[in-house]
PDB file of N, CA and C in Angstrom:
ATOM      1  N   UNK A   1       5.098 -18.023   9.558  1.00  0.00           N
ATOM      2  CA  UNK A   1       5.446 -17.558  10.883  1.00  0.00           C
ATOM      3  C   UNK A   1       4.575 -18.288  11.900  1.00  0.00           C
ATOM      4  N   UNK A   2       5.181 -18.655  12.968  1.00  0.00           N
ATOM      5  CA  UNK A   2       4.437 -19.280  14.048  1.00  0.00           C
ATOM      6  C   UNK A   2       3.953 -18.218  15.021  1.00  0.00           C
ATOM      7  N   UNK A   3       2.885 -18.542  15.712  1.00  0.00           N
ATOM      8  CA  UNK A   3       2.275 -17.612  16.653  1.00  0.00           C
ATOM      9  C   UNK A   3       3.282 -17.109  17.688  1.00  0.00           C
ATOM     10  N   UNK A   4       4.052 -18.017  18.246  1.00  0.00           N
ATOM     11  CA  UNK A   4       5.024 -17.626  19.280  1.00  0.00           C
ATOM     12  C   UNK A   4       6.070 -16.661  18.726  1.00  0.00           C
ATOM     13  N   UNK A   5       6.518 -16.926  17.490  1.00  0.00           N
ATOM     14  CA  UNK A   5       7.520 -16.054  16.868  1.00  0.00           C
ATOM     15  C   UNK A   5       6.960 -14.660  16.617  1.00  0.00           C
ATOM     16  N   UNK A   6       5.721 -14.602  16.161  1.00  0.00           N
ATOM     17  CA  UNK A   6       5.102 -13.307  15.883  1.00  0.00           C
ATOM     18  C   UNK A   6       4.951 -12.503  17.162  1.00  0.00           C
ATOM     19  N   UNK A   7       4.443 -13.148  18.208  1.00  0.00           N
ATOM     20  CA  UNK A   7       4.237 -12.441  19.476  1.00  0.00           C
ATOM     21  C   UNK A   7       5.549 -11.976  20.082  1.00  0.00           C
ATOM     22  N   UNK A   8       6.591 -12.776  19.937  1.00  0.00           N
ATOM     23  CA  UNK A   8       7.867 -12.447  20.576  1.00  0.00           C
ATOM     24  C   UNK A   8       8.735 -11.506  19.748  1.00  0.00           C
ATOM     25  N   UNK A   9       8.836 -11.778  18.448  1.00  0.00           N
ATOM     26  CA  UNK A   9       9.779 -11.032  17.611  1.00  0.00           C
ATOM     27  C   UNK A   9       9.117 -10.120  16.584  1.00  0.00           C
ATOM     28  N   UNK A  10       7.825 -10.268  16.372  1.00  0.00           N
ATOM     29  CA  UNK A  10       7.143  -9.511  15.318  1.00  0.00           C
ATOM     30  C   UNK A  10       7.171  -8.014  15.554  1.00  0.00           C
ATOM     31  N   UNK A  11       7.434  -7.299  14.484  1.00  0.00           N
ATOM     32  CA  UNK A  11       7.456  -5.839  14.535  1.00  0.00           C
ATOM     33  C   UNK A  11       6.037  -5.331  14.747  1.00  0.00           C
ATOM     34  N   UNK A  12       5.884  -4.332  15.594  1.00  0.00           N
ATOM     35  CA  UNK A  12       4.569  -3.734  15.807  1.00  0.00           C
ATOM     36  C   UNK A  12       4.207  -2.912  14.583  1.00  0.00           C
ATOM     37  N   UNK A  13       3.252  -3.429  13.841  1.00  0.00           N
ATOM     38  CA  UNK A  13       2.797  -2.767  12.625  1.00  0.00           C
ATOM     39  C   UNK A  13       1.370  -3.205  12.357  1.00  0.00           C
ATOM     40  N   UNK A  14       0.697  -2.462  11.479  1.00  0.00           N
ATOM     41  CA  UNK A  14      -0.675  -2.822  11.126  1.00  0.00           C
ATOM     42  C   UNK A  14      -0.689  -4.238  10.574  1.00  0.00           C
ATOM     43  N   UNK A  15      -1.530  -5.058  11.125  1.00  0.00           N
ATOM     44  CA  UNK A  15      -1.665  -6.438  10.678  1.00  0.00           C
ATOM     45  C   UNK A  15      -1.169  -7.453  11.686  1.00  0.00           C
ATOM     46  N   UNK A  16      -0.320  -7.017  12.620  1.00  0.00           N
ATOM     47  CA  UNK A  16       0.228  -7.966  13.598  1.00  0.00           C
ATOM     48  C   UNK A  16      -0.875  -8.540  14.479  1.00  0.00           C
ATOM     49  N   UNK A  17      -1.663  -7.685  15.092  1.00  0.00           N
ATOM     50  CA  UNK A  17      -2.703  -8.189  15.990  1.00  0.00           C
ATOM     51  C   UNK A  17      -3.751  -8.977  15.214  1.00  0.00           C
ATOM     52  N   UNK A  18      -4.001  -8.583  13.955  1.00  0.00           N
ATOM     53  CA  UNK A  18      -4.965  -9.295  13.132  1.00  0.00           C
ATOM     54  C   UNK A  18      -4.465 -10.692  12.793  1.00  0.00           C
ATOM     55  N   UNK A  19      -3.185 -10.830  12.485  1.00  0.00           N
ATOM     56  CA  UNK A  19      -2.620 -12.147  12.197  1.00  0.00           C
ATOM     57  C   UNK A  19      -2.642 -13.023  13.445  1.00  0.00           C
ATOM     58  N   UNK A  20      -2.355 -12.445  14.590  1.00  0.00           N
ATOM     59  CA  UNK A  20      -2.418 -13.198  15.847  1.00  0.00           C
ATOM     60  C   UNK A  20      -3.850 -13.668  16.094  1.00  0.00           C
ATOM     61  N   UNK A  21      -4.823 -12.795  15.861  1.00  0.00           N
ATOM     62  CA  UNK A  21      -6.236 -13.193  16.022  1.00  0.00           C
ATOM     63  C   UNK A  21      -6.579 -14.351  15.088  1.00  0.00           C
ATOM     64  N   UNK A  22      -6.096 -14.289  13.852  1.00  0.00           N
ATOM     65  CA  UNK A  22      -6.353 -15.362  12.896  1.00  0.00           C
ATOM     66  C   UNK A  22      -5.744 -16.678  13.385  1.00  0.00           C
ATOM     67  N   UNK A  23      -4.520 -16.623  13.841  1.00  0.00           N
ATOM     68  CA  UNK A  23      -3.853 -17.835  14.316  1.00  0.00           C
ATOM     69  C   UNK A  23      -4.485 -18.385  15.588  1.00  0.00           C
ATOM     70  N   UNK A  24      -5.193 -17.533  16.333  1.00  0.00           N
ATOM     71  CA  UNK A  24      -5.947 -17.970  17.516  1.00  0.00           C
ATOM     72  C   UNK A  24      -7.353 -18.444  17.139  1.00  0.00           C
ATOM     73  N   UNK A  25      -7.625 -18.566  15.830  1.00  0.00           N
ATOM     74  CA  UNK A  25      -8.922 -19.008  15.314  1.00  0.00           C
ATOM     75  C   UNK A  25     -10.074 -18.092  15.706  1.00  0.00           C
ATOM     76  N   UNK A  26      -9.811 -16.787  15.741  1.00  0.00           N
ATOM     77  CA  UNK A  26     -10.861 -15.805  15.995  1.00  0.00           C
ATOM     78  C   UNK A  26     -11.326 -15.226  14.666  1.00  0.00           C
ATOM     79  N   UNK A  27     -12.548 -14.757  14.633  1.00  0.00           N
ATOM     80  CA  UNK A  27     -13.108 -14.184  13.403  1.00  0.00           C
ATOM     81  C   UNK A  27     -12.492 -12.830  13.098  1.00  0.00           C
ATOM     82  N   UNK A  28     -12.332 -12.584  11.803  1.00  0.00           N
ATOM     83  CA  UNK A  28     -11.794 -11.307  11.336  1.00  0.00           C
ATOM     84  C   UNK A  28     -12.739 -10.707  10.307  1.00  0.00           C
ATOM     85  N   UNK A  29     -12.731  -9.381  10.240  1.00  0.00           N
ATOM     86  CA  UNK A  29     -13.464  -8.700   9.181  1.00  0.00           C
ATOM     87  C   UNK A  29     -12.632  -8.812   7.902  1.00  0.00           C
ATOM     88  N   UNK A  30     -13.226  -8.550   6.750  1.00  0.00           N
ATOM     89  CA  UNK A  30     -12.429  -8.588   5.516  1.00  0.00           C
ATOM     90  C   UNK A  30     -11.217  -7.654   5.568  1.00  0.00           C
ATOM     91  N   UNK A  31     -11.368  -6.459   6.121  1.00  0.00           N
ATOM     92  CA  UNK A  31     -10.232  -5.529   6.215  1.00  0.00           C
ATOM     93  C   UNK A  31      -9.142  -6.098   7.122  1.00  0.00           C
ATOM     94  N   UNK A  32      -9.534  -6.721   8.229  1.00  0.00           N
ATOM     95  CA  UNK A  32      -8.553  -7.332   9.128  1.00  0.00           C
ATOM     96  C   UNK A  32      -7.822  -8.480   8.433  1.00  0.00           C
ATOM     97  N   UNK A  33      -8.538  -9.216   7.597  1.00  0.00           N
ATOM     98  CA  UNK A  33      -7.902 -10.307   6.837  1.00  0.00           C
ATOM     99  C   UNK A  33      -6.833  -9.759   5.894  1.00  0.00           C
ATOM    100  N   UNK A  34      -7.146  -8.648   5.261  1.00  0.00           N
ATOM    101  CA  UNK A  34      -6.186  -8.028   4.340  1.00  0.00           C
ATOM    102  C   UNK A  34      -4.941  -7.575   5.095  1.00  0.00           C
ATOM    103  N   UNK A  35      -5.132  -6.900   6.231  1.00  0.00           N
ATOM    104  CA  UNK A  35      -3.992  -6.440   7.026  1.00  0.00           C
ATOM    105  C   UNK A  35      -3.142  -7.610   7.498  1.00  0.00           C
ATOM    106  N   UNK A  36      -3.802  -8.693   7.929  1.00  0.00           N
ATOM    107  CA  UNK A  36      -3.072  -9.882   8.393  1.00  0.00           C
ATOM    108  C   UNK A  36      -2.264 -10.499   7.254  1.00  0.00           C
ATOM    109  N   UNK A  37      -2.860 -10.574   6.061  1.00  0.00           N
ATOM    110  CA  UNK A  37      -2.163 -11.153   4.919  1.00  0.00           C
ATOM    111  C   UNK A  37      -0.959 -10.309   4.526  1.00  0.00           C
ATOM    112  N   UNK A  38      -1.111  -8.988   4.510  1.00  0.00           N
ATOM    113  CA  UNK A  38       0.024  -8.118   4.184  1.00  0.00           C
ATOM    114  C   UNK A  38       1.144  -8.294   5.208  1.00  0.00           C
ATOM    115  N   UNK A  39       0.784  -8.399   6.483  1.00  0.00           N
ATOM    116  CA  UNK A  39       1.794  -8.592   7.535  1.00  0.00           C
ATOM    117  C   UNK A  39       2.537  -9.909   7.317  1.00  0.00           C
ATOM    118  N   UNK A  40       1.781 -10.960   7.003  1.00  0.00           N
ATOM    119  CA  UNK A  40       2.390 -12.272   6.775  1.00  0.00           C
ATOM    120  C   UNK A  40       3.264 -12.263   5.522  1.00  0.00           C
ATOM    121  N   UNK A  41       2.744 -11.693   4.448  1.00  0.00           N
ATOM    122  CA  UNK A  41       3.445 -11.687   3.164  1.00  0.00           C
ATOM    123  C   UNK A  41       4.772 -10.923   3.233  1.00  0.00           C
ATOM    124  N   UNK A  42       4.801  -9.846   4.013  1.00  0.00           N
ATOM    125  CA  UNK A  42       6.034  -9.058   4.128  1.00  0.00           C
ATOM    126  C   UNK A  42       6.930  -9.569   5.257  1.00  0.00           C
ATOM    127  N   UNK A  43       6.568 -10.740   5.782  1.00  0.00           N
ATOM    128  CA  UNK A  43       7.339 -11.363   6.858  1.00  0.00           C
ATOM    129  C   UNK A  43       7.435 -10.446   8.069  1.00  0.00           C
ATOM    130  N   UNK A  44       6.300  -9.846   8.417  1.00  0.00           N
ATOM    131  CA  UNK A  44       6.243  -8.996   9.600  1.00  0.00           C
ATOM    132  C   UNK A  44       6.914  -7.647   9.421  1.00  0.00           C
ATOM    133  N   UNK A  45       7.019  -7.187   8.177  1.00  0.00           N
ATOM    134  CA  UNK A  45       7.646  -5.889   7.873  1.00  0.00           C
ATOM    135  C   UNK A  45       9.074  -5.804   8.420  1.00  0.00           C
ATOM    136  N   UNK A  46       9.833  -6.894   8.254  1.00  0.00           N
ATOM    137  CA  UNK A  46      11.208  -6.889   8.744  1.00  0.00           C
ATOM    138  C   UNK A  46      12.064  -5.834   8.058  1.00  0.00           C
ATOM    139  N   UNK A  47      11.690  -5.449   6.837  1.00  0.00           N
ATOM    140  CA  UNK A  47      12.431  -4.404   6.118  1.00  0.00           C
ATOM    141  C   UNK A  47      11.908  -3.015   6.437  1.00  0.00           C
ATOM    142  N   UNK A  48      10.957  -2.932   7.333  1.00  0.00           N
ATOM    143  CA  UNK A  48      10.372  -1.650   7.705  1.00  0.00           C
ATOM    144  C   UNK A  48       8.956  -1.531   7.181  1.00  0.00           C
ATOM    145  N   UNK A  49       8.274  -0.523   7.669  1.00  0.00           N
ATOM    146  CA  UNK A  49       6.887  -0.278   7.267  1.00  0.00           C
ATOM    147  C   UNK A  49       6.892   0.496   5.958  1.00  0.00           C
ATOM    148  N   UNK A  50       7.144  -0.231   4.889  1.00  0.00           N
ATOM    149  CA  UNK A  50       7.263   0.387   3.575  1.00  0.00           C
ATOM    150  C   UNK A  50       6.368  -0.333   2.570  1.00  0.00           C
ATOM    151  N   UNK A  51       6.190   0.293   1.440  1.00  0.00           N
ATOM    152  CA  UNK A  51       5.429  -0.269   0.335  1.00  0.00           C
ATOM    153  C   UNK A  51       6.083  -1.570  -0.118  1.00  0.00           C
ATOM    154  N   UNK A  52       5.289  -2.635  -0.279  1.00  0.00           N
ATOM    155  CA  UNK A  52       5.837  -3.934  -0.682  1.00  0.00           C
ATOM    156  C   UNK A  52       6.200  -3.966  -2.164  1.00  0.00           C
ATOM    157  N   UNK A  53       5.610  -3.083  -2.962  1.00  0.00           N
ATOM    158  CA  UNK A  53       5.871  -2.954  -4.396  1.00  0.00           C
ATOM    159  C   UNK A  53       5.464  -4.179  -5.212  1.00  0.00           C
ATOM    160  N   UNK A  54       4.595  -5.030  -4.690  1.00  0.00           N
ATOM    161  CA  UNK A  54       4.109  -6.201  -5.419  1.00  0.00           C
ATOM    162  C   UNK A  54       2.815  -5.802  -6.125  1.00  0.00           C
ATOM    163  N   UNK A  55       2.963  -5.083  -7.218  1.00  0.00           N
ATOM    164  CA  UNK A  55       1.807  -4.540  -7.937  1.00  0.00           C
ATOM    165  C   UNK A  55       0.907  -5.624  -8.506  1.00  0.00           C
ATOM    166  N   UNK A  56       1.419  -6.822  -8.695  1.00  0.00           N
ATOM    167  CA  UNK A  56       0.611  -7.909  -9.245  1.00  0.00           C
ATOM    168  C   UNK A  56      -0.294  -8.553  -8.197  1.00  0.00           C
ATOM    169  N   UNK A  57      -0.128  -8.203  -6.933  1.00  0.00           N
ATOM    170  CA  UNK A  57      -0.953  -8.747  -5.864  1.00  0.00           C
ATOM    171  C   UNK A  57      -2.356  -8.152  -5.944  1.00  0.00           C
ATOM    172  N   UNK A  58      -3.399  -8.982  -5.845  1.00  0.00           N
ATOM    173  CA  UNK A  58      -4.757  -8.448  -5.908  1.00  0.00           C
ATOM    174  C   UNK A  58      -5.120  -7.558  -4.716  1.00  0.00           C
ATOM    175  N   UNK A  59      -4.354  -7.637  -3.641  1.00  0.00           N
ATOM    176  CA  UNK A  59      -4.609  -6.816  -2.458  1.00  0.00           C
ATOM    177  C   UNK A  59      -3.746  -5.557  -2.417  1.00  0.00           C
ATOM    178  N   UNK A  60      -2.907  -5.363  -3.426  1.00  0.00           N
ATOM    179  CA  UNK A  60      -1.942  -4.262  -3.396  1.00  0.00           C
ATOM    180  C   UNK A  60      -2.597  -2.897  -3.215  1.00  0.00           C
ATOM    181  N   UNK A  61      -3.745  -2.669  -3.822  1.00  0.00           N
ATOM    182  CA  UNK A  61      -4.378  -1.353  -3.703  1.00  0.00           C
ATOM    183  C   UNK A  61      -4.836  -1.073  -2.280  1.00  0.00           C
ATOM    184  N   UNK A  62      -4.895  -2.085  -1.426  1.00  0.00           N
ATOM    185  CA  UNK A  62      -5.312  -1.927  -0.036  1.00  0.00           C
ATOM    186  C   UNK A  62      -4.145  -2.076   0.942  1.00  0.00           C
ATOM    187  N   UNK A  63      -2.930  -2.210   0.429  1.00  0.00           N
ATOM    188  CA  UNK A  63      -1.741  -2.391   1.261  1.00  0.00           C
ATOM    189  C   UNK A  63      -1.596  -1.218   2.222  1.00  0.00           C
ATOM    190  N   UNK A  64      -1.442  -1.476   3.548  1.00  0.00           N
ATOM    191  CA  UNK A  64      -1.460  -0.389   4.526  1.00  0.00           C
ATOM    192  C   UNK A  64      -0.335   0.641   4.408  1.00  0.00           C
ATOM    193  N   UNK A  65       0.812   0.280   3.884  1.00  0.00           N
ATOM    194  CA  UNK A  65       1.925   1.222   3.817  1.00  0.00           C
ATOM    195  C   UNK A  65       2.275   1.595   2.379  1.00  0.00           C
ATOM    196  N   UNK A  66       1.287   1.467   1.492  1.00  0.00           N
ATOM    197  CA  UNK A  66       1.498   1.796   0.091  1.00  0.00           C
ATOM    198  C   UNK A  66       1.612   3.303  -0.072  1.00  0.00           C
ATOM    199  N   UNK A  67       2.616   3.744  -0.800  1.00  0.00           N
ATOM    200  CA  UNK A  67       2.801   5.178  -1.033  1.00  0.00           C
ATOM    201  C   UNK A  67       1.744   5.661  -2.008  1.00  0.00           C
ATOM    202  N   UNK A  68       1.153   6.793  -1.709  1.00  0.00           N
ATOM    203  CA  UNK A  68       0.138   7.360  -2.580  1.00  0.00           C
ATOM    204  C   UNK A  68      -1.105   6.500  -2.652  1.00  0.00           C
ATOM    205  N   UNK A  69      -1.432   5.829  -1.557  1.00  0.00           N
ATOM    206  CA  UNK A  69      -2.559   4.900  -1.547  1.00  0.00           C
ATOM    207  C   UNK A  69      -3.865   5.606  -1.877  1.00  0.00           C
ATOM    208  N   UNK A  70      -4.618   4.989  -2.733  1.00  0.00           N
ATOM    209  CA  UNK A  70      -5.970   5.435  -3.044  1.00  0.00           C
ATOM    210  C   UNK A  70      -6.874   4.279  -2.647  1.00  0.00           C
ATOM    211  N   UNK A  71      -7.781   4.520  -1.739  1.00  0.00           N
ATOM    212  CA  UNK A  71      -8.644   3.455  -1.260  1.00  0.00           C
ATOM    213  C   UNK A  71      -9.570   3.001  -2.369  1.00  0.00           C
ATOM    214  N   UNK A  72      -9.521   1.724  -2.670  1.00  0.00           N
ATOM    215  CA  UNK A  72     -10.268   1.171  -3.792  1.00  0.00           C
ATOM    216  C   UNK A  72     -11.712   0.874  -3.444  1.00  0.00           C
ATOM    217  N   UNK A  73     -12.059   0.872  -2.190  1.00  0.00           N
ATOM    218  CA  UNK A  73     -13.415   0.531  -1.796  1.00  0.00           C
ATOM    219  C   UNK A  73     -14.279   1.779  -1.722  1.00  0.00           C
ATOM    220  N   UNK A  74     -15.437   1.708  -2.293  1.00  0.00           N
ATOM    221  CA  UNK A  74     -16.380   2.828  -2.214  1.00  0.00           C
ATOM    222  C   UNK A  74     -16.712   3.075  -0.755  1.00  0.00           C
ATOM    223  N   UNK A  75     -16.897   4.322  -0.404  1.00  0.00           N
ATOM    224  CA  UNK A  75     -17.188   4.668   0.977  1.00  0.00           C
ATOM    225  C   UNK A  75     -15.945   5.064   1.746  1.00  0.00           C
ATOM    226  N   UNK A  76     -14.790   4.971   1.111  1.00  0.00           N
ATOM    227  CA  UNK A  76     -13.552   5.371   1.769  1.00  0.00           C
ATOM    228  C   UNK A  76     -12.952   6.575   1.074  1.00  0.00           C
ATOM    229  N   UNK A  77     -13.782   7.495   0.659  1.00  0.00           N
ATOM    230  CA  UNK A  77     -13.315   8.666  -0.078  1.00  0.00           C
ATOM    231  C   UNK A  77     -12.866   9.790   0.838  1.00  0.00           C
ATOM    232  N   UNK A  78     -13.041   9.639   2.151  1.00  0.00           N
ATOM    233  CA  UNK A  78     -12.598  10.688   3.058  1.00  0.00           C
ATOM    234  C   UNK A  78     -11.084  10.862   2.926  1.00  0.00           C
ATOM    235  N   UNK A  79     -10.628  12.052   2.921  1.00  0.00           N
ATOM    236  CA  UNK A  79      -9.200  12.323   2.855  1.00  0.00           C
ATOM    237  C   UNK A  79      -8.660  12.374   1.427  1.00  0.00           C
ATOM    238  N   UNK A  80      -9.451  11.978   0.451  1.00  0.00           N
ATOM    239  CA  UNK A  80      -9.010  12.047  -0.933  1.00  0.00           C
ATOM    240  C   UNK A  80      -9.364  13.412  -1.498  1.00  0.00           C
ATOM    241  N   UNK A  81      -8.653  13.798  -2.559  1.00  0.00           N
ATOM    242  CA  UNK A  81      -8.908  15.093  -3.158  1.00  0.00           C
ATOM    243  C   UNK A  81      -9.113  14.960  -4.655  1.00  0.00           C
ATOM    244  N   UNK A  82      -9.827  15.912  -5.182  1.00  0.00           N
ATOM    245  CA  UNK A  82      -9.958  16.088  -6.625  1.00  0.00           C
ATOM    246  C   UNK A  82     -10.297  14.839  -7.405  1.00  0.00           C
ATOM    247  N   UNK A  83      -9.419  14.518  -8.367  1.00  0.00           N
ATOM    248  CA  UNK A  83      -9.653  13.409  -9.288  1.00  0.00           C
ATOM    249  C   UNK A  83      -9.734  12.067  -8.565  1.00  0.00           C
ATOM    250  N   UNK A  84      -8.952  11.881  -7.498  1.00  0.00           N
ATOM    251  CA  UNK A  84      -8.985  10.620  -6.758  1.00  0.00           C
ATOM    252  C   UNK A  84     -10.374  10.389  -6.169  1.00  0.00           C
ATOM    253  N   UNK A  85     -10.971  11.436  -5.607  1.00  0.00           N
ATOM    254  CA  UNK A  85     -12.300  11.333  -5.009  1.00  0.00           C
ATOM    255  C   UNK A  85     -13.341  11.007  -6.079  1.00  0.00           C
ATOM    256  N   UNK A  86     -13.215  11.618  -7.250  1.00  0.00           N
ATOM    257  CA  UNK A  86     -14.156  11.358  -8.335  1.00  0.00           C
ATOM    258  C   UNK A  86     -14.059   9.915  -8.818  1.00  0.00           C
ATOM    259  N   UNK A  87     -12.838   9.360  -8.868  1.00  0.00           N
ATOM    260  CA  UNK A  87     -12.658   7.982  -9.288  1.00  0.00           C
ATOM    261  C   UNK A  87     -13.366   7.023  -8.335  1.00  0.00           C
ATOM    262  N   UNK A  88     -13.239   7.270  -7.037  1.00  0.00           N
ATOM    263  CA  UNK A  88     -13.880   6.408  -6.048  1.00  0.00           C
ATOM    264  C   UNK A  88     -15.395   6.520  -6.151  1.00  0.00           C
ATOM    265  N   UNK A  89     -15.902   7.735  -6.281  1.00  0.00           N
ATOM    266  CA  UNK A  89     -17.348   7.934  -6.393  1.00  0.00           C
ATOM    267  C   UNK A  89     -17.934   7.298  -7.642  1.00  0.00           C
ATOM    268  N   UNK A  90     -17.143   7.240  -8.725  1.00  0.00           N
ATOM    269  CA  UNK A  90     -17.622   6.690  -9.989  1.00  0.00           C
ATOM    270  C   UNK A  90     -17.815   5.185  -9.923  1.00  0.00           C
ATOM    271  N   UNK A  91     -17.218   4.526  -8.966  1.00  0.00           N
ATOM    272  CA  UNK A  91     -17.303   3.071  -8.887  1.00  0.00           C
ATOM    273  C   UNK A  91     -18.609   2.622  -8.392  1.00  0.00           C
TER     274      UNK A  91
END
């Protein structure tokens, strides 16, 4: 996707502004890089803000619209319950 196309036609979704920042050669945090990559990979979420279902992707566990998302990074246990919270803490 080209910068002009994203700004003009891109769906407003998590990752759009991050991808634009990347294309403008601005620094991104690791989380912003992940959001930008997901936005690019799903072609700007043209099919909607839904789970991409690409389980083989190394970033899939951090996909912003993944159903039943469990945050894989330690320190992101807020909002999790029971066994999910214990799994994150165990890492």
